[in-house]
Protein backbone atom coordinates (compact mmCIF):
# COMPACT_ATOMS: atom_id res chain seq x y z
CA MET A 1 65.52 137.13 186.45
CA MET A 2 68.80 138.36 185.11
CA LEU A 3 71.69 136.24 183.74
CA TYR A 4 74.90 136.94 185.69
CA PRO A 5 77.41 137.51 184.20
CA ALA A 6 75.87 139.43 181.61
CA MET A 7 75.43 138.15 178.07
CA ASN A 8 77.73 140.59 176.51
CA LYS A 9 80.47 139.41 178.82
CA LEU A 10 79.75 135.78 177.71
CA THR A 11 79.73 136.69 173.96
CA GLU A 12 83.33 137.96 174.20
CA HIS A 13 84.28 134.31 174.22
CA VAL A 14 81.33 132.54 172.39
CA PRO A 15 79.94 134.47 169.52
CA ASN A 16 76.32 133.72 169.68
CA ARG A 17 73.31 132.70 172.01
CA TYR A 18 72.92 129.39 170.18
CA MET A 19 76.37 128.24 170.67
CA MET A 20 76.29 129.47 174.04
CA VAL A 21 73.49 127.36 175.02
CA ASN A 22 75.23 124.24 173.49
CA VAL A 23 78.61 125.24 175.32
CA VAL A 24 77.03 125.61 178.50
CA ALA A 25 74.77 122.59 178.47
CA ARG A 26 77.63 120.41 177.15
CA ARG A 27 79.93 121.74 180.26
CA ALA A 28 77.20 121.39 182.72
CA ARG A 29 76.61 117.86 181.81
CA GLN A 30 80.41 117.10 182.09
CA ILE A 31 80.68 118.83 185.51
CA ALA A 32 77.79 116.76 186.72
CA GLU A 33 79.07 113.70 185.52
CA GLU A 34 82.66 114.33 187.02
CA ALA A 35 81.12 114.98 190.10
CA GLU A 36 78.88 111.83 190.15
CA LYS A 37 81.80 109.71 189.25
CA ASN A 38 84.08 111.10 192.03
CA GLU A 39 81.10 111.19 194.64
CA GLU A 40 81.42 115.04 194.87
CA HIS A 41 78.96 117.27 196.27
CA LEU A 42 78.63 120.48 194.24
CA THR A 43 78.18 123.78 196.02
CA GLU A 44 76.59 125.35 192.91
CA LYS A 45 74.46 123.98 189.81
CA PRO A 46 76.66 122.63 187.12
CA VAL A 47 74.92 125.06 184.73
CA THR A 48 76.09 128.12 186.91
CA MET A 49 79.44 126.65 187.28
CA ALA A 50 79.43 126.19 183.28
CA ILE A 51 78.35 129.83 182.76
CA ASN A 52 81.00 131.33 185.01
CA GLU A 53 83.81 129.07 183.17
CA VAL A 54 82.64 130.77 180.01
CA ALA A 55 82.65 134.36 181.44
CA GLU A 56 86.21 133.58 182.83
CA GLY A 57 87.52 132.97 179.19
CA LYS A 58 87.95 129.24 179.87
CA PHE A 59 86.18 128.48 176.56
CA GLU A 60 86.77 130.15 173.22
CA ALA A 61 84.44 129.50 170.08
CA SER A 62 87.56 127.95 168.12
CA THR A 63 88.46 125.32 170.67
CA ILE A 64 84.71 124.10 171.51
CA ASP A 65 83.66 120.61 170.03
CA THR A 66 80.09 120.97 169.49
CA GLU A 67 79.55 117.39 167.94
CA ILE A 68 77.15 115.36 169.89
CA GLU A 69 78.43 111.76 171.03
CA GLU A 70 76.37 108.77 170.66
CA ASP A 71 76.44 106.41 173.60
């Protein structure tokens, strides 16, 4: 299965694959939590939405907080 958008499009905004996984996973969790909190039905999976946000340039590597929060 191919990744869409392509990885080279994503790495324009986030420099490496390791950070990409962290960024997408963190944003996908945020999307899912917000949808659950607001009782919204998502038309796409949170991971797909997060990948598209990265491809659109909504995240730059310099603005990403990669620290894990403890509950």
